[in-house]
Amino acid sequence: MFATIINKAIVQGIPLLFGSTGEIITEKSGNLNLGIPGIMYMGGSAGVIGAYLYERAVETPHPFWCIVIPLLCSLLGSALLAFVYSFLTITLRANQNVTGLALTTFGVGFGDFFGGSLTKIFGNGGNLSVKTTADYFKTTLPFADDLGAFGTIFLNYGFLAYLAIIIAIVASWFLKKTRMGLHLRAVGENPATADAAGINVTRYKYFATVIGGAIAGLGGLYFIMDYTGGSWTNGGFGDRGWLAIALVIFALWKPNVSILGSIVFGGLYIAYSYISGLSRSALAIFNMLPYIVTIVVLIITSARNKKENRPPESLGLAYFREER
């Protein structure tokens, strides 16, 4: 029972891990991208659209292309939306909060329109489904079920789950141990000082925001391919995009901490399903738990007032070189 609960918590947490890792990289550059929910939605919808068009174009889908095409479509779709955000907020210096919320609305609308209409456009009818492709994404190690609780907790996932953990670890190493990571953090803390030191602020902001968006988009792809088995449902992604942003605060802007945080959030997200007889009000309280925990962590870290636990100093602020 315990192993099953942990397994389901991890499955629920992986989309949040992708989203939070991407947003942490973005925020380290000083950009507050509230468009992450829309970008994750775009990543999922672009991936499933690419898979659908490929499955429809060939008689016998090849496993390699069933993996590569949705991955590329997801990365390109989410990176494109992140690039739009970058252009509006970095080059045109639009308000980051308003731009992010607008992109969330656009990403959700794009996914709902094409996800709900693509089969009708091609005259097939029914819901959009790419089960053949999803089966390849969900493939686990053949001996996982033979290893009992260990296999259930550690080995019973598709490759995207392990990719999410690897990306989070690499991102943490990149931010802490590399020169580019140091420059990126300098841009997020004080872009004027970084600019004076010869660091290209605009380039680093674009780099972090676009790469962060692409990573976040994989969270949407994981949800569609692994969690729902390749079936698209409008609005099925729920509030996971906002939970990913909350996880950034819970993890104190540290990608390696977000690995554990995603499991915690995933467990809180499904806790209600293991408690029988909950009233509607009790169910609403359980759905609020991840946000409540985030608020508690934010209060505690603010009270301790440690610099390493605070967001970048210039987070959400546009940089004007002329005001340096």
Protein backbone atom coordinates (compact mmCIF):
# COMPACT_ATOMS: atom_id res chain seq x y z
CA MET A 1 0.00 0.00 0.00
CA PHE A 2 2.76 2.45 0.97
CA ALA A 3 4.72 1.71 -2.21
CA THR A 4 1.61 2.30 -4.32
CA ILE A 5 0.93 5.65 -2.66
CA ILE A 6 4.53 6.80 -3.22
CA ASN A 7 4.33 5.62 -6.84
CA LYS A 8 1.16 7.60 -7.48
CA ALA A 9 2.57 10.67 -5.72
CA ILE A 10 5.61 10.58 -8.00
CA VAL A 11 3.43 10.17 -11.09
CA GLN A 12 1.39 13.20 -10.02
CA GLY A 13 4.51 15.17 -9.15
CA ILE A 14 6.51 14.72 -12.37
CA PRO A 15 4.56 17.36 -14.36
CA LEU A 16 5.08 19.76 -11.46
CA LEU A 17 8.81 18.96 -11.42
CA PHE A 18 9.16 19.80 -15.11
CA GLY A 19 7.21 23.02 -14.64
CA SER A 20 9.02 24.14 -11.49
CA THR A 21 12.48 23.39 -12.90
CA GLY A 22 11.73 25.43 -16.00
CA GLU A 23 10.32 28.29 -13.94
CA ILE A 24 13.28 28.29 -11.54
CA ILE A 25 15.69 28.68 -14.47
CA THR A 26 13.50 31.48 -15.82
CA GLU A 27 13.22 33.28 -12.48
CA LYS A 28 16.96 33.06 -11.85
CA SER A 29 17.30 35.48 -14.78
CA GLY A 30 14.88 37.92 -13.13
CA ASN A 31 11.87 37.05 -15.30
CA LEU A 32 8.65 36.09 -13.52
CA ASN A 33 6.79 33.98 -16.07
CA LEU A 34 3.21 33.44 -14.95
CA GLY A 35 2.58 31.97 -18.37
CA ILE A 36 3.98 28.59 -17.22
CA PRO A 37 0.48 26.99 -16.97
CA GLY A 38 -0.21 27.99 -20.58
CA ILE A 39 3.25 26.89 -21.71
CA MET A 40 2.78 23.48 -20.08
CA TYR A 41 -0.62 23.23 -21.74
CA MET A 42 0.96 24.17 -25.07
CA GLY A 43 3.71 21.58 -24.61
CA GLY A 44 1.15 18.85 -24.05
CA SER A 45 -1.14 19.87 -26.90
CA ALA A 46 1.69 20.38 -29.40
CA GLY A 47 3.12 16.96 -28.54
CA VAL A 48 -0.18 15.14 -28.89
CA ILE A 49 -0.95 16.96 -32.17
CA GLY A 50 2.44 15.92 -33.59
CA ALA A 51 1.84 12.33 -32.48
CA TYR A 52 -1.66 12.30 -33.99
CA LEU A 53 -0.50 13.62 -37.35
CA TYR A 54 2.32 11.07 -37.46
CA GLU A 55 0.11 8.12 -36.50
CA ARG A 56 -2.39 9.21 -39.13
CA ALA A 57 0.28 9.58 -41.83
CA VAL A 58 1.80 6.09 -41.57
CA GLU A 59 0.33 2.63 -41.50
CA THR A 60 2.75 1.23 -38.91
CA PRO A 61 4.22 3.87 -36.58
CA HIS A 62 7.90 3.34 -35.78
CA PRO A 63 8.81 3.46 -32.05
CA PHE A 64 11.68 5.90 -32.63
CA TRP A 65 9.52 8.46 -34.40
CA CYS A 66 6.67 7.92 -31.95
CA ILE A 67 9.03 9.22 -29.27
CA VAL A 68 11.00 11.85 -31.18
CA ILE A 69 8.17 13.64 -33.01
CA PRO A 70 6.02 14.41 -29.92
CA LEU A 71 9.14 15.40 -27.98
CA LEU A 72 10.27 17.84 -30.66
CA CYS A 73 6.76 19.25 -31.14
CA SER A 74 6.38 19.74 -27.39
CA LEU A 75 9.77 21.43 -27.03
CA LEU A 76 9.24 23.67 -30.06
CA GLY A 77 5.68 24.64 -29.12
CA SER A 78 6.49 25.54 -25.53
CA ALA A 79 9.79 27.24 -26.48
CA LEU A 80 7.95 29.35 -29.07
CA LEU A 81 5.45 30.55 -26.48
CA ALA A 82 8.31 31.30 -24.07
CA PHE A 83 10.06 33.23 -26.85
CA VAL A 84 6.94 35.34 -27.35
CA TYR A 85 6.96 36.10 -23.63
CA SER A 86 10.68 36.98 -23.83
CA PHE A 87 10.19 39.32 -26.78
CA LEU A 88 7.31 41.13 -25.11
CA THR A 89 8.91 41.49 -21.67
CA ILE A 90 12.64 41.77 -22.46
CA THR A 91 12.72 43.59 -25.79
CA LEU A 92 9.46 45.53 -25.57
CA ARG A 93 9.55 45.70 -21.74
CA ALA A 94 5.89 44.82 -21.32
CA ASN A 95 4.58 44.11 -17.83
CA GLN A 96 5.67 40.58 -16.91
CA ASN A 97 2.61 39.69 -14.83
CA VAL A 98 0.10 40.77 -17.47
CA THR A 99 2.07 39.13 -20.29
CA GLY A 100 2.36 35.86 -18.39
CA LEU A 101 -1.34 35.70 -17.61
CA ALA A 102 -2.15 36.49 -21.26
CA LEU A 103 0.08 33.63 -22.42
CA THR A 104 -1.61 31.27 -19.99
CA THR A 105 -4.97 32.18 -21.48
CA PHE A 106 -3.60 31.74 -25.01
CA GLY A 107 -1.91 28.40 -24.29
CA VAL A 108 -5.02 26.92 -22.68
CA GLY A 109 -7.21 28.23 -25.50
CA PHE A 110 -4.87 26.84 -28.17
CA GLY A 111 -4.85 23.40 -26.55
CA ASP A 112 -8.59 23.28 -26.03
CA PHE A 113 -9.33 24.37 -29.59
CA PHE A 114 -6.97 22.03 -31.44
CA GLY A 115 -7.17 19.21 -28.91
CA GLY A 116 -10.93 19.26 -29.13
CA SER A 117 -11.22 19.93 -32.88
CA LEU A 118 -8.36 18.16 -34.64
CA THR A 119 -10.18 14.87 -35.17
CA LYS A 120 -13.22 16.74 -36.51
CA ILE A 121 -11.00 18.70 -38.90
CA PHE A 122 -9.82 15.44 -40.42
CA GLY A 123 -13.32 13.98 -40.42
CA ASN A 124 -12.65 11.25 -37.85
CA GLY A 125 -14.78 12.48 -34.96
CA GLY A 126 -14.38 11.47 -31.33
CA ASN A 127 -11.77 12.55 -28.81
CA LEU A 128 -8.15 13.03 -29.80
CA SER A 129 -6.20 9.91 -28.77
CA VAL A 130 -2.67 8.67 -29.54
CA LYS A 131 -2.63 5.43 -27.58
CA THR A 132 0.07 3.81 -29.76
CA THR A 133 2.49 6.65 -29.05
CA ALA A 134 1.52 6.83 -25.38
CA ASP A 135 2.29 3.13 -24.92
CA TYR A 136 5.90 3.79 -25.93
CA PHE A 137 6.16 6.71 -23.50
CA LYS A 138 4.71 4.61 -20.67
CA THR A 139 7.00 1.62 -21.25
CA THR A 140 8.73 0.64 -18.02
CA LEU A 141 11.57 -1.74 -17.24
CA PRO A 142 10.31 -5.31 -17.83
CA PHE A 143 11.54 -6.57 -14.46
CA ALA A 144 10.13 -3.68 -12.38
CA ASP A 145 7.07 -5.63 -11.26
CA ASP A 146 9.25 -8.53 -10.09
CA LEU A 147 11.13 -6.41 -7.53
CA GLY A 148 8.24 -5.74 -5.18
CA ALA A 149 8.09 -2.40 -3.37
CA PHE A 150 11.51 -1.32 -4.67
CA GLY A 151 10.41 -1.78 -8.26
CA THR A 152 7.10 -0.02 -7.63
CA ILE A 153 8.73 3.03 -6.04
CA PHE A 154 11.86 3.44 -8.16
CA LEU A 155 11.51 1.62 -11.48
CA ASN A 156 7.85 1.62 -12.50
CA TYR A 157 7.81 4.79 -14.65
CA GLY A 158 8.25 5.89 -18.25
CA PHE A 159 11.49 7.53 -19.36
CA LEU A 160 10.13 11.09 -19.01
CA ALA A 161 9.92 10.67 -15.22
CA TYR A 162 13.65 9.92 -15.02
CA LEU A 163 14.37 12.71 -17.51
CA ALA A 164 12.60 15.19 -15.20
CA ILE A 165 14.83 14.18 -12.28
CA ILE A 166 17.98 14.32 -14.42
CA ILE A 167 17.09 17.79 -15.73
CA ALA A 168 16.46 19.07 -12.20
CA ILE A 169 19.83 17.73 -10.99
CA VAL A 170 21.68 19.13 -14.02
CA ALA A 171 19.93 22.49 -13.62
CA SER A 172 20.98 22.64 -9.97
CA TRP A 173 24.58 21.85 -10.92
CA PHE A 174 24.50 24.38 -13.75
CA LEU A 175 23.26 27.20 -11.52
CA LYS A 176 25.72 26.50 -8.71
CA LYS A 177 28.88 25.20 -10.36
CA THR A 178 29.26 26.74 -13.82
CA ARG A 179 30.34 30.17 -14.99
CA MET A 180 27.21 30.56 -17.13
CA GLY A 181 25.10 29.69 -14.11
CA LEU A 182 26.92 32.31 -12.05
CA HIS A 183 26.34 34.90 -14.78
CA LEU A 184 22.67 33.97 -14.97
CA ARG A 185 22.21 34.39 -11.23
CA ALA A 186 24.06 37.71 -11.40
CA VAL A 187 21.63 38.91 -14.07
CA GLY A 188 18.70 37.95 -11.87
CA GLU A 189 20.11 39.62 -8.78
CA ASN A 190 21.39 42.87 -10.27
CA PRO A 191 21.27 43.21 -14.06
CA ALA A 192 22.91 46.67 -14.00
CA THR A 193 25.97 45.33 -12.19
CA ALA A 194 26.07 42.28 -14.46
CA ASP A 195 25.86 44.54 -17.51
CA ALA A 196 28.69 46.71 -16.20
CA ALA A 197 30.79 43.56 -15.75
CA GLY A 198 30.38 42.74 -19.45
CA ILE A 199 27.62 40.12 -19.15
CA ASN A 200 25.04 40.27 -21.96
CA VAL A 201 21.88 40.68 -19.88
CA THR A 202 19.45 40.38 -22.79
CA ARG A 203 21.05 37.19 -24.08
CA TYR A 204 20.95 35.49 -20.68
CA LYS A 205 17.33 36.50 -20.09
CA TYR A 206 16.27 35.12 -23.46
CA PHE A 207 18.30 31.96 -22.93
CA ALA A 208 16.88 31.25 -19.48
CA THR A 209 13.27 32.03 -20.39
CA VAL A 210 13.17 30.02 -23.62
CA ILE A 211 15.02 27.01 -22.18
CA GLY A 212 12.92 27.16 -19.03
CA GLY A 213 9.74 27.27 -21.08
CA ALA A 214 10.81 24.28 -23.18
CA ILE A 215 11.50 22.25 -20.02
CA ALA A 216 8.16 23.24 -18.50
CA GLY A 217 6.36 22.16 -21.68
CA LEU A 218 7.58 18.60 -21.15
CA GLY A 219 5.40 18.53 -18.03
CA GLY A 220 2.35 18.85 -20.24
CA LEU A 221 3.63 16.13 -22.55
CA TYR A 222 4.20 13.78 -19.61
CA PHE A 223 0.68 14.38 -18.33
CA ILE A 224 -0.88 13.52 -21.70
CA MET A 225 1.33 10.56 -22.63
CA ASP A 226 1.99 8.91 -19.27
CA TYR A 227 -0.86 9.98 -17.02
CA THR A 228 -3.86 9.98 -19.36
CA GLY A 229 -2.52 7.34 -21.76
CA GLY A 230 -2.55 9.60 -24.83
CA SER A 231 -6.14 10.82 -24.53
CA TRP A 232 -6.80 14.55 -24.75
CA THR A 233 -9.47 16.09 -22.54
CA ASN A 234 -10.11 19.83 -22.57
CA GLY A 235 -9.31 21.25 -19.16
CA GLY A 236 -7.95 17.91 -17.97
CA PHE A 237 -4.63 19.44 -16.93
CA GLY A 238 -6.36 21.22 -14.07
CA ASP A 239 -4.37 23.56 -11.84
CA ARG A 240 -1.06 21.72 -12.20
CA GLY A 241 0.57 24.70 -13.91
CA TRP A 242 -0.16 26.92 -10.91
CA LEU A 243 1.02 24.18 -8.55
CA ALA A 244 4.32 24.13 -10.46
CA ILE A 245 4.73 27.86 -9.77
CA ALA A 246 3.88 27.30 -6.10
CA LEU A 247 6.48 24.52 -6.02
CA VAL A 248 9.15 27.04 -7.04
CA ILE A 249 8.54 28.92 -3.79
CA PHE A 250 8.31 25.68 -1.78
CA ALA A 251 11.67 24.56 -3.21
CA LEU A 252 13.27 27.95 -2.41
CA TRP A 253 14.32 28.40 -6.04
CA LYS A 254 16.51 25.26 -5.90
CA PRO A 255 15.88 22.65 -8.64
CA ASN A 256 17.27 19.75 -6.59
CA VAL A 257 14.90 20.56 -3.70
CA SER A 258 11.98 20.63 -6.14
CA ILE A 259 12.48 16.88 -6.73
CA LEU A 260 11.42 16.13 -3.16
CA GLY A 261 8.88 18.95 -3.26
CA SER A 262 7.19 17.50 -6.34
CA ILE A 263 6.66 14.20 -4.53
CA VAL A 264 5.23 16.04 -1.53
CA PHE A 265 2.89 18.06 -3.73
CA GLY A 266 1.94 14.96 -5.70
CA GLY A 267 1.07 13.19 -2.45
CA LEU A 268 -0.99 16.12 -1.21
CA TYR A 269 -2.77 16.29 -4.56
CA ILE A 270 -4.06 12.72 -4.26
CA ALA A 271 -4.39 12.47 -0.45
CA TYR A 272 -8.17 12.85 -0.60
CA SER A 273 -8.54 9.66 -2.67
CA TYR A 274 -7.30 7.55 0.24
CA ILE A 275 -9.74 9.01 2.77
CA SER A 276 -13.32 7.84 2.51
CA GLY A 277 -16.43 9.81 3.40
CA LEU A 278 -15.06 13.29 2.74
CA SER A 279 -17.62 16.06 2.44
CA ARG A 280 -17.43 18.61 -0.36
CA SER A 281 -15.95 21.24 1.97
CA ALA A 282 -13.34 18.77 3.26
CA LEU A 283 -12.44 17.87 -0.32
CA ALA A 284 -11.93 21.56 -1.11
CA ILE A 285 -9.59 21.88 1.87
CA PHE A 286 -7.53 18.90 0.67
CA ASN A 287 -7.24 20.49 -2.77
CA MET A 288 -5.86 23.61 -1.06
CA LEU A 289 -3.16 21.73 0.87
CA PRO A 290 -0.26 22.31 -1.60
CA TYR A 291 -0.95 26.05 -1.58
CA ILE A 292 -1.30 26.13 2.21
CA VAL A 293 2.04 24.34 2.61
CA THR A 294 3.63 26.81 0.19
CA ILE A 295 2.34 29.77 2.22
CA VAL A 296 3.70 28.22 5.44
CA VAL A 297 7.12 27.69 3.84
CA LEU A 298 7.09 31.26 2.52
CA ILE A 299 6.29 32.64 5.99
CA ILE A 300 9.02 30.56 7.66
CA THR A 301 11.71 31.45 5.11
CA SER A 302 10.73 35.13 5.23
CA ALA A 303 11.04 35.11 9.01
CA ARG A 304 14.49 33.51 8.85
CA ASN A 305 15.48 36.14 6.24
CA LYS A 306 18.33 34.15 4.67
CA LYS A 307 19.49 35.54 1.32
CA GLU A 308 19.91 32.08 -0.26
CA ASN A 309 16.23 31.34 0.43
CA ARG A 310 14.90 34.52 -1.16
CA PRO A 311 13.93 35.07 -4.81
CA PRO A 312 16.28 37.01 -7.13
CA GLU A 313 16.37 40.70 -6.28
CA SER A 314 15.25 41.88 -9.72
CA LEU A 315 12.51 39.27 -10.15
CA GLY A 316 9.63 40.69 -12.17
CA LEU A 317 11.41 43.96 -12.99
CA ALA A 318 12.21 45.06 -16.53
CA TYR A 319 15.81 46.15 -17.12
CA PHE A 320 16.45 49.52 -18.76
CA ARG A 321 20.11 49.89 -19.64
CA GLU A 322 19.71 53.66 -19.91
CA GLU A 323 18.86 53.80 -16.18
CA ARG A 324 21.99 51.96 -15.15
